[in-house]
Amino acid sequence: MQHRPSPRFRALAGLAVALLALAGCSDSTPSEDAAAEPITISAAASLQSAFEQISEEFSVEHPEVQISSISYDGSSTLATQILEGADVDVFASADERNMSEVTEAGFGHEPVIFASNTLVIAVPQDNPADIDSLDDLAQATTVLCAQQVPCGSASRQLLQDQGVQVTPASEEQNVTAVLQKVAAGEADAGLVYATDVLSEENVASIVPEGAEDVVNTYPIATLGENPGAQAFMDFVISERGQQILAEHGFGTGAEQANG
């Protein structure tokens, strides 16, 4: 005679199966769970074009890591946001000073230099004010980045080195704003990074004397322990990441390490 399992036995068996299924679901390691967490990135405004391409290629190579947002602005603005508690996993600054403010406050891990940039004079494509050198900026309608912004600090260093005094018509919070005013014809000239003019067809550039002596170095660091953030930083400093930066006009971290 065939015996059927009792209802109590069937219930216990069902519970055992459910427990085994739950155990199977928890086989993923903590690092795998963490790697699936979205990451947020704060990057200097001058990096936007390069980082858009980097983020696209990174996402293809690392589909398990979702980039929830990338914020572009002046490095000083981004550093302030981080110090005030903004949720940021990766910080890429256009200078070491603003990065130091973040890391010395305990918000970031050891930064790595990954790129460099120099200044140029940006003028409208037809150059109506006939700007030819830094000296011409003294009498022109010139816009600069604010002094606390890396491009502003570098601009003033360059002008000081060349003995040129400029009273800016306006001081902008990031280099993109300077470029936009020049492109719109609202200014005769502005000092921006060499990389910025590459993607702006309404602007021409002049390499000023002494620009090679005022070089901005770009550090990047992870904040917190999200493995996805480390994966993004590793991609930026990888051979492909450095190639993308070079294509967008940046000097690379390798050049800085060797120079």
C-alpha atoms as a PDB file:
ATOM      1  CA  MET A   1       0.000   0.000   0.000  1.00  0.00           C
ATOM      2  CA  GLN A   2       1.420   3.400  -1.003  1.00  0.00           C
ATOM      3  CA  HIS A   3       1.601   5.984   1.791  1.00  0.00           C
ATOM      4  CA  ARG A   4       1.051   9.641   1.003  1.00  0.00           C
ATOM      5  CA  PRO A   5       3.136  12.220   2.923  1.00  0.00           C
ATOM      6  CA  SER A   6       1.215  13.806   5.758  1.00  0.00           C
ATOM      7  CA  PRO A   7       0.216  17.478   5.494  1.00  0.00           C
ATOM      8  CA  ARG A   8       2.742  18.286   8.247  1.00  0.00           C
ATOM      9  CA  PHE A   9       5.538  16.572   6.298  1.00  0.00           C
ATOM     10  CA  ARG A  10       4.622  18.434   3.115  1.00  0.00           C
ATOM     11  CA  ALA A  11       4.663  21.745   5.004  1.00  0.00           C
ATOM     12  CA  LEU A  12       8.103  21.046   6.449  1.00  0.00           C
ATOM     13  CA  ALA A  13       9.403  20.026   3.038  1.00  0.00           C
ATOM     14  CA  GLY A  14       8.062  23.215   1.517  1.00  0.00           C
ATOM     15  CA  LEU A  15       9.752  25.277   4.212  1.00  0.00           C
ATOM     16  CA  ALA A  16      13.054  23.529   3.551  1.00  0.00           C
ATOM     17  CA  VAL A  17      12.822  24.324  -0.169  1.00  0.00           C
ATOM     18  CA  ALA A  18      12.063  27.974   0.574  1.00  0.00           C
ATOM     19  CA  LEU A  19      15.049  28.232   2.909  1.00  0.00           C
ATOM     20  CA  LEU A  20      17.342  26.695   0.295  1.00  0.00           C
ATOM     21  CA  ALA A  21      16.066  29.189  -2.275  1.00  0.00           C
ATOM     22  CA  LEU A  22      16.788  32.075   0.056  1.00  0.00           C
ATOM     23  CA  ALA A  23      20.262  30.729   0.687  1.00  0.00           C
ATOM     24  CA  GLY A  24      20.846  30.607  -3.054  1.00  0.00           C
ATOM     25  CA  CYS A  25      19.800  34.242  -3.406  1.00  0.00           C
ATOM     26  CA  SER A  26      22.337  35.320  -0.787  1.00  0.00           C
ATOM     27  CA  ASP A  27      25.322  33.663  -2.498  1.00  0.00           C
ATOM     28  CA  SER A  28      26.483  37.023  -3.945  1.00  0.00           C
ATOM     29  CA  THR A  29      29.409  38.524  -2.128  1.00  0.00           C
ATOM     30  CA  PRO A  30      29.182  41.912  -0.386  1.00  0.00           C
ATOM     31  CA  SER A  31      31.488  43.417  -3.010  1.00  0.00           C
ATOM     32  CA  GLU A  32      29.161  42.268  -5.810  1.00  0.00           C
ATOM     33  CA  ASP A  33      26.189  43.845  -4.042  1.00  0.00           C
ATOM     34  CA  ALA A  34      28.146  47.058  -3.500  1.00  0.00           C
ATOM     35  CA  ALA A  35      29.359  47.119  -7.104  1.00  0.00           C
ATOM     36  CA  ALA A  36      25.726  47.205  -8.212  1.00  0.00           C
ATOM     37  CA  GLU A  37      25.107  50.411  -6.247  1.00  0.00           C
ATOM     38  CA  PRO A  38      24.780  53.483  -8.502  1.00  0.00           C
ATOM     39  CA  ILE A  39      27.638  55.983  -8.398  1.00  0.00           C
ATOM     40  CA  THR A  40      27.587  59.773  -8.504  1.00  0.00           C
ATOM     41  CA  ILE A  41      30.435  61.789  -9.993  1.00  0.00           C
ATOM     42  CA  SER A  42      31.452  65.426  -9.546  1.00  0.00           C
ATOM     43  CA  ALA A  43      33.862  66.714 -12.184  1.00  0.00           C
ATOM     44  CA  ALA A  44      35.389  70.052 -13.135  1.00  0.00           C
ATOM     45  CA  ALA A  45      33.460  71.832 -15.893  1.00  0.00           C
ATOM     46  CA  SER A  46      36.423  71.610 -18.261  1.00  0.00           C
ATOM     47  CA  LEU A  47      36.194  67.805 -18.146  1.00  0.00           C
ATOM     48  CA  GLN A  48      32.629  67.576 -19.450  1.00  0.00           C
ATOM     49  CA  SER A  49      33.340  66.643 -23.059  1.00  0.00           C
ATOM     50  CA  ALA A  50      35.977  64.051 -22.145  1.00  0.00           C
ATOM     51  CA  PHE A  51      34.016  62.586 -19.242  1.00  0.00           C
ATOM     52  CA  GLU A  52      30.865  62.181 -21.323  1.00  0.00           C
ATOM     53  CA  GLN A  53      32.802  59.905 -23.662  1.00  0.00           C
ATOM     54  CA  ILE A  54      34.608  58.182 -20.794  1.00  0.00           C
ATOM     55  CA  SER A  55      31.326  57.484 -18.987  1.00  0.00           C
ATOM     56  CA  GLU A  56      29.770  56.021 -22.145  1.00  0.00           C
ATOM     57  CA  GLU A  57      32.655  53.625 -22.745  1.00  0.00           C
ATOM     58  CA  PHE A  58      32.910  52.776 -19.054  1.00  0.00           C
ATOM     59  CA  SER A  59      29.228  51.846 -18.958  1.00  0.00           C
ATOM     60  CA  VAL A  60      29.709  49.476 -21.891  1.00  0.00           C
ATOM     61  CA  GLU A  61      32.697  47.841 -20.224  1.00  0.00           C
ATOM     62  CA  HIS A  62      31.066  47.777 -16.761  1.00  0.00           C
ATOM     63  CA  PRO A  63      27.322  47.218 -17.259  1.00  0.00           C
ATOM     64  CA  GLU A  64      27.041  46.225 -13.591  1.00  0.00           C
ATOM     65  CA  VAL A  65      27.869  49.796 -12.502  1.00  0.00           C
ATOM     66  CA  GLN A  66      25.185  52.428 -13.022  1.00  0.00           C
ATOM     67  CA  ILE A  67      26.275  56.068 -13.179  1.00  0.00           C
ATOM     68  CA  SER A  68      23.325  57.845 -11.611  1.00  0.00           C
ATOM     69  CA  SER A  69      24.620  61.366 -12.293  1.00  0.00           C
ATOM     70  CA  ILE A  70      27.626  63.462 -13.252  1.00  0.00           C
ATOM     71  CA  SER A  71      27.713  67.054 -11.984  1.00  0.00           C
ATOM     72  CA  TYR A  72      29.963  69.553 -13.803  1.00  0.00           C
ATOM     73  CA  ASP A  73      30.905  72.882 -12.242  1.00  0.00           C
ATOM     74  CA  GLY A  74      33.836  74.880 -10.928  1.00  0.00           C
ATOM     75  CA  SER A  75      36.048  72.709  -8.723  1.00  0.00           C
ATOM     76  CA  SER A  76      35.656  75.056  -5.762  1.00  0.00           C
ATOM     77  CA  THR A  77      31.849  74.811  -6.013  1.00  0.00           C
ATOM     78  CA  LEU A  78      31.997  71.016  -6.184  1.00  0.00           C
ATOM     79  CA  ALA A  79      34.412  70.827  -3.246  1.00  0.00           C
ATOM     80  CA  THR A  80      32.095  72.997  -1.155  1.00  0.00           C
ATOM     81  CA  GLN A  81      29.150  70.761  -2.007  1.00  0.00           C
ATOM     82  CA  ILE A  82      31.094  67.680  -0.912  1.00  0.00           C
ATOM     83  CA  LEU A  83      32.191  69.314   2.345  1.00  0.00           C
ATOM     84  CA  GLU A  84      28.555  70.243   3.007  1.00  0.00           C
ATOM     85  CA  GLY A  85      27.478  66.615   2.640  1.00  0.00           C
ATOM     86  CA  ALA A  86      26.651  66.068  -1.026  1.00  0.00           C
ATOM     87  CA  ASP A  87      26.417  62.390  -1.946  1.00  0.00           C
ATOM     88  CA  VAL A  88      29.450  61.972  -4.223  1.00  0.00           C
ATOM     89  CA  ASP A  89      31.429  58.812  -4.991  1.00  0.00           C
ATOM     90  CA  VAL A  90      34.071  60.221  -7.370  1.00  0.00           C
ATOM     91  CA  PHE A  91      35.570  63.731  -7.405  1.00  0.00           C
ATOM     92  CA  ALA A  92      37.684  64.950 -10.332  1.00  0.00           C
ATOM     93  CA  SER A  93      39.115  68.409  -9.720  1.00  0.00           C
ATOM     94  CA  ALA A  94      40.872  70.833 -12.059  1.00  0.00           C
ATOM     95  CA  ASP A  95      43.434  71.622  -9.383  1.00  0.00           C
ATOM     96  CA  GLU A  96      45.096  70.063  -6.366  1.00  0.00           C
ATOM     97  CA  ARG A  97      44.082  72.802  -3.919  1.00  0.00           C
ATOM     98  CA  ASN A  98      40.369  72.028  -4.015  1.00  0.00           C
ATOM     99  CA  MET A  99      41.056  68.306  -3.916  1.00  0.00           C
ATOM    100  CA  SER A 100      43.227  68.820  -0.823  1.00  0.00           C
ATOM    101  CA  GLU A 101      40.377  70.604   0.949  1.00  0.00           C
ATOM    102  CA  VAL A 102      38.222  67.515   0.435  1.00  0.00           C
ATOM    103  CA  THR A 103      40.782  64.851   1.297  1.00  0.00           C
ATOM    104  CA  GLU A 104      42.214  66.696   4.301  1.00  0.00           C
ATOM    105  CA  ALA A 105      38.686  66.922   5.695  1.00  0.00           C
ATOM    106  CA  GLY A 106      38.538  63.135   5.528  1.00  0.00           C
ATOM    107  CA  PHE A 107      36.090  62.868   2.623  1.00  0.00           C
ATOM    108  CA  GLY A 108      38.300  61.152   0.054  1.00  0.00           C
ATOM    109  CA  HIS A 109      40.957  58.536  -0.497  1.00  0.00           C
ATOM    110  CA  GLU A 110      44.438  59.225  -1.892  1.00  0.00           C
ATOM    111  CA  PRO A 111      44.026  61.168  -5.165  1.00  0.00           C
ATOM    112  CA  VAL A 112      45.808  60.386  -8.422  1.00  0.00           C
ATOM    113  CA  ILE A 113      46.883  62.954 -11.027  1.00  0.00           C
ATOM    114  CA  PHE A 114      45.230  61.922 -14.291  1.00  0.00           C
ATOM    115  CA  ALA A 115      45.388  64.956 -16.613  1.00  0.00           C
ATOM    116  CA  SER A 116      46.728  68.468 -17.142  1.00  0.00           C
ATOM    117  CA  ASN A 117      45.669  71.604 -18.997  1.00  0.00           C
ATOM    118  CA  THR A 118      46.982  75.019 -20.011  1.00  0.00           C
ATOM    119  CA  LEU A 119      45.347  78.373 -20.726  1.00  0.00           C
ATOM    120  CA  VAL A 120      44.559  80.081 -24.027  1.00  0.00           C
ATOM    121  CA  ILE A 121      42.957  83.396 -24.931  1.00  0.00           C
ATOM    122  CA  ALA A 122      39.492  82.736 -26.331  1.00  0.00           C
ATOM    123  CA  VAL A 123      38.035  85.271 -28.768  1.00  0.00           C
ATOM    124  CA  PRO A 124      34.942  85.301 -31.006  1.00  0.00           C
ATOM    125  CA  GLN A 125      35.675  83.611 -34.319  1.00  0.00           C
ATOM    126  CA  ASP A 126      35.963  86.934 -36.187  1.00  0.00           C
ATOM    127  CA  ASN A 127      37.986  88.520 -33.329  1.00  0.00           C
ATOM    128  CA  PRO A 128      36.382  92.001 -33.660  1.00  0.00           C
ATOM    129  CA  ALA A 129      38.624  93.552 -30.985  1.00  0.00           C
ATOM    130  CA  ASP A 130      41.725  92.313 -32.835  1.00  0.00           C
ATOM    131  CA  ILE A 131      43.118  90.568 -29.758  1.00  0.00           C
ATOM    132  CA  ASP A 132      46.613  89.244 -30.345  1.00  0.00           C
ATOM    133  CA  SER A 133      48.270  88.887 -26.930  1.00  0.00           C
ATOM    134  CA  LEU A 134      47.746  89.138 -23.173  1.00  0.00           C
ATOM    135  CA  ASP A 135      48.610  92.844 -23.338  1.00  0.00           C
ATOM    136  CA  ASP A 136      45.488  93.466 -25.434  1.00  0.00           C
ATOM    137  CA  LEU A 137      43.266  92.117 -22.655  1.00  0.00           C
ATOM    138  CA  ALA A 138      43.975  95.163 -20.478  1.00  0.00           C
ATOM    139  CA  GLN A 139      41.928  97.426 -22.780  1.00  0.00           C
ATOM    140  CA  ALA A 140      39.374  94.837 -23.951  1.00  0.00           C
ATOM    141  CA  THR A 141      36.116  93.588 -22.484  1.00  0.00           C
ATOM    142  CA  THR A 142      37.616  90.547 -20.839  1.00  0.00           C
ATOM    143  CA  VAL A 143      35.899  87.863 -18.750  1.00  0.00           C
ATOM    144  CA  LEU A 144      37.761  85.621 -16.329  1.00  0.00           C
ATOM    145  CA  CYS A 145      36.912  82.800 -13.999  1.00  0.00           C
ATOM    146  CA  ALA A 146      36.480  83.840 -10.371  1.00  0.00           C
ATOM    147  CA  GLN A 147      39.729  83.703  -8.416  1.00  0.00           C
ATOM    148  CA  GLN A 148      38.711  80.724  -6.238  1.00  0.00           C
ATOM    149  CA  VAL A 149      38.057  78.620  -9.347  1.00  0.00           C
ATOM    150  CA  PRO A 150      41.128  76.803 -10.756  1.00  0.00           C
ATOM    151  CA  CYS A 151      40.927  78.557 -14.140  1.00  0.00           C
ATOM    152  CA  GLY A 152      40.650  81.895 -12.305  1.00  0.00           C
ATOM    153  CA  SER A 153      43.656  81.230 -10.124  1.00  0.00           C
ATOM    154  CA  ALA A 154      45.689  80.096 -13.131  1.00  0.00           C
ATOM    155  CA  SER A 155      44.558  83.112 -15.183  1.00  0.00           C
ATOM    156  CA  ARG A 156      45.738  85.556 -12.544  1.00  0.00           C
ATOM    157  CA  GLN A 157      49.025  83.709 -12.190  1.00  0.00           C
ATOM    158  CA  LEU A 158      49.596  83.927 -15.937  1.00  0.00           C
ATOM    159  CA  LEU A 159      48.704  87.634 -16.072  1.00  0.00           C
ATOM    160  CA  GLN A 160      50.941  88.356 -13.090  1.00  0.00           C
ATOM    161  CA  ASP A 161      53.842  86.436 -14.598  1.00  0.00           C
ATOM    162  CA  GLN A 162      53.541  88.487 -17.798  1.00  0.00           C
ATOM    163  CA  GLY A 163      53.065  91.799 -16.010  1.00  0.00           C
ATOM    164  CA  VAL A 164      49.570  92.425 -17.370  1.00  0.00           C
ATOM    165  CA  GLN A 165      46.800  94.028 -15.295  1.00  0.00           C
ATOM    166  CA  VAL A 166      43.237  93.177 -16.280  1.00  0.00           C
ATOM    167  CA  THR A 167      40.014  94.401 -14.697  1.00  0.00           C
ATOM    168  CA  PRO A 168      37.527  91.730 -15.751  1.00  0.00           C
ATOM    169  CA  ALA A 169      34.107  92.747 -17.034  1.00  0.00           C
ATOM    170  CA  SER A 170      32.753  89.753 -15.112  1.00  0.00           C
ATOM    171  CA  GLU A 171      34.026  86.879 -13.018  1.00  0.00           C
ATOM    172  CA  GLU A 172      32.412  83.507 -13.708  1.00  0.00           C
ATOM    173  CA  GLN A 173      32.056  80.471 -11.464  1.00  0.00           C
ATOM    174  CA  ASN A 174      33.349  78.027 -14.066  1.00  0.00           C
ATOM    175  CA  VAL A 175      35.284  78.024 -17.302  1.00  0.00           C
ATOM    176  CA  THR A 176      32.250  77.013 -19.369  1.00  0.00           C
ATOM    177  CA  ALA A 177      30.520  80.284 -18.463  1.00  0.00           C
ATOM    178  CA  VAL A 178      33.546  82.281 -19.645  1.00  0.00           C
ATOM    179  CA  LEU A 179      33.569  80.426 -22.950  1.00  0.00           C
ATOM    180  CA  GLN A 180      29.831  80.940 -23.453  1.00  0.00           C
ATOM    181  CA  LYS A 181      30.135  84.710 -22.993  1.00  0.00           C
ATOM    182  CA  VAL A 182      32.923  84.884 -25.562  1.00  0.00           C
ATOM    183  CA  ALA A 183      31.038  82.641 -28.007  1.00  0.00           C
ATOM    184  CA  ALA A 184      27.921  84.838 -27.665  1.00  0.00           C
ATOM    185  CA  GLY A 185      29.911  87.994 -28.394  1.00  0.00           C
ATOM    186  CA  GLU A 186      29.282  89.378 -24.915  1.00  0.00           C
ATOM    187  CA  ALA A 187      33.037  89.738 -24.366  1.00  0.00           C
ATOM    188  CA  ASP A 188      36.043  90.535 -26.539  1.00  0.00           C
ATOM    189  CA  ALA A 189      38.092  87.800 -24.916  1.00  0.00           C
ATOM    190  CA  GLY A 190      38.429  85.412 -22.005  1.00  0.00           C
ATOM    191  CA  LEU A 191      41.027  83.099 -20.552  1.00  0.00           C
ATOM    192  CA  VAL A 192      39.951  79.463 -20.747  1.00  0.00           C
ATOM    193  CA  TYR A 193      41.603  76.066 -20.957  1.00  0.00           C
ATOM    194  CA  ALA A 194      43.023  74.902 -24.262  1.00  0.00           C
ATOM    195  CA  THR A 195      40.654  71.929 -24.190  1.00  0.00           C
ATOM    196  CA  ASP A 196      37.523  74.093 -23.997  1.00  0.00           C
ATOM    197  CA  VAL A 197      37.850  75.775 -27.370  1.00  0.00           C
ATOM    198  CA  LEU A 198      38.133  72.470 -29.245  1.00  0.00           C
ATOM    199  CA  SER A 199      34.385  71.857 -29.088  1.00  0.00           C
ATOM    200  CA  GLU A 200      33.219  75.477 -29.599  1.00  0.00           C
ATOM    201  CA  GLU A 201      33.046  76.414 -33.285  1.00  0.00           C
ATOM    202  CA  ASN A 202      32.190  80.086 -32.598  1.00  0.00           C
ATOM    203  CA  VAL A 203      35.440  80.681 -30.734  1.00  0.00           C
ATOM    204  CA  ALA A 204      39.057  80.964 -31.868  1.00  0.00           C
ATOM    205  CA  SER A 205      42.059  80.688 -29.565  1.00  0.00           C
ATOM    206  CA  ILE A 206      45.446  82.328 -29.143  1.00  0.00           C
ATOM    207  CA  VAL A 207      48.226  80.654 -27.175  1.00  0.00           C
ATOM    208  CA  PRO A 208      49.633  83.391 -24.919  1.00  0.00           C
ATOM    209  CA  GLU A 209      53.261  83.779 -23.966  1.00  0.00           C
ATOM    210  CA  GLY A 210      54.057  81.955 -20.734  1.00  0.00           C
ATOM    211  CA  ALA A 211      51.096  79.569 -20.903  1.00  0.00           C
ATOM    212  CA  GLU A 212      53.393  76.554 -20.780  1.00  0.00           C
ATOM    213  CA  ASP A 213      54.610  77.663 -17.348  1.00  0.00           C
ATOM    214  CA  VAL A 214      51.124  77.749 -15.788  1.00  0.00           C
ATOM    215  CA  VAL A 215      49.862  74.181 -15.901  1.00  0.00           C
ATOM    216  CA  ASN A 216      46.782  72.930 -14.077  1.00  0.00           C
ATOM    217  CA  THR A 217      47.058  69.336 -12.891  1.00  0.00           C
ATOM    218  CA  TYR A 218      43.853  67.338 -12.417  1.00  0.00           C
ATOM    219  CA  PRO A 219      43.542  64.874  -9.503  1.00  0.00           C
ATOM    220  CA  ILE A 220      40.795  62.272  -9.108  1.00  0.00           C
ATOM    221  CA  ALA A 221      39.758  60.442  -5.940  1.00  0.00           C
ATOM    222  CA  THR A 222      37.055  58.120  -4.688  1.00  0.00           C
ATOM    223  CA  LEU A 223      34.913  59.120  -1.724  1.00  0.00           C
ATOM    224  CA  GLY A 224      33.497  56.305   0.368  1.00  0.00           C
ATOM    225  CA  GLU A 225      33.784  52.590  -0.319  1.00  0.00           C
ATOM    226  CA  ASN A 226      31.645  51.968  -3.407  1.00  0.00           C
ATOM    227  CA  PRO A 227      33.601  49.510  -5.631  1.00  0.00           C
ATOM    228  CA  GLY A 228      31.880  50.979  -8.675  1.00  0.00           C
ATOM    229  CA  ALA A 229      33.563  54.311  -7.924  1.00  0.00           C
ATOM    230  CA  GLN A 230      36.961  52.633  -7.848  1.00  0.00           C
ATOM    231  CA  ALA A 231      36.183  50.900 -11.135  1.00  0.00           C
ATOM    232  CA  PHE A 232      35.364  54.285 -12.735  1.00  0.00           C
ATOM    233  CA  MET A 233      38.543  55.879 -11.407  1.00  0.00           C
ATOM    234  CA  ASP A 234      40.571  52.909 -12.666  1.00  0.00           C
ATOM    235  CA  PHE A 235      39.047  53.390 -16.122  1.00  0.00           C
ATOM    236  CA  VAL A 236      39.949  57.097 -16.140  1.00  0.00           C
ATOM    237  CA  ILE A 237      43.608  56.350 -15.410  1.00  0.00           C
ATOM    238  CA  SER A 238      43.698  53.296 -17.691  1.00  0.00           C
ATOM    239  CA  GLU A 239      45.331  53.366 -21.111  1.00  0.00           C
ATOM    240  CA  ARG A 240      41.959  53.856 -22.814  1.00  0.00           C
ATOM    241  CA  GLY A 241      40.864  56.566 -20.399  1.00  0.00           C
ATOM    242  CA  GLN A 242      44.115  58.438 -20.938  1.00  0.00           C
ATOM    243  CA  GLN A 243      43.724  58.067 -24.696  1.00  0.00           C
ATOM    244  CA  ILE A 244      40.272  59.664 -24.552  1.00  0.00           C
ATOM    245  CA  LEU A 245      41.603  62.559 -22.476  1.00  0.00           C
ATOM    246  CA  ALA A 246      44.436  63.111 -24.965  1.00  0.00           C
ATOM    247  CA  GLU A 247      41.923  63.129 -27.831  1.00  0.00           C
ATOM    248  CA  HIS A 248      40.117  65.947 -26.029  1.00  0.00           C
ATOM    249  CA  GLY A 249      43.315  67.978 -25.721  1.00  0.00           C
ATOM    250  CA  PHE A 250      44.425  67.134 -22.189  1.00  0.00           C
ATOM    251  CA  GLY A 251      47.919  66.306 -21.136  1.00  0.00           C
ATOM    252  CA  THR A 252      47.819  62.932 -19.424  1.00  0.00           C
ATOM    253  CA  GLY A 253      48.717  61.726 -15.965  1.00  0.00           C
ATOM    254  CA  ALA A 254      51.618  59.731 -17.384  1.00  0.00           C
ATOM    255  CA  GLU A 255      53.118  62.949 -18.780  1.00  0.00           C
ATOM    256  CA  GLN A 256      52.853  64.571 -15.360  1.00  0.00           C
ATOM    257  CA  ALA A 257      54.498  61.592 -13.674  1.00  0.00           C
ATOM    258  CA  ASN A 258      57.385  61.705 -16.137  1.00  0.00           C
ATOM    259  CA  GLY A 259      57.693  65.472 -16.272  1.00  0.00           C
END
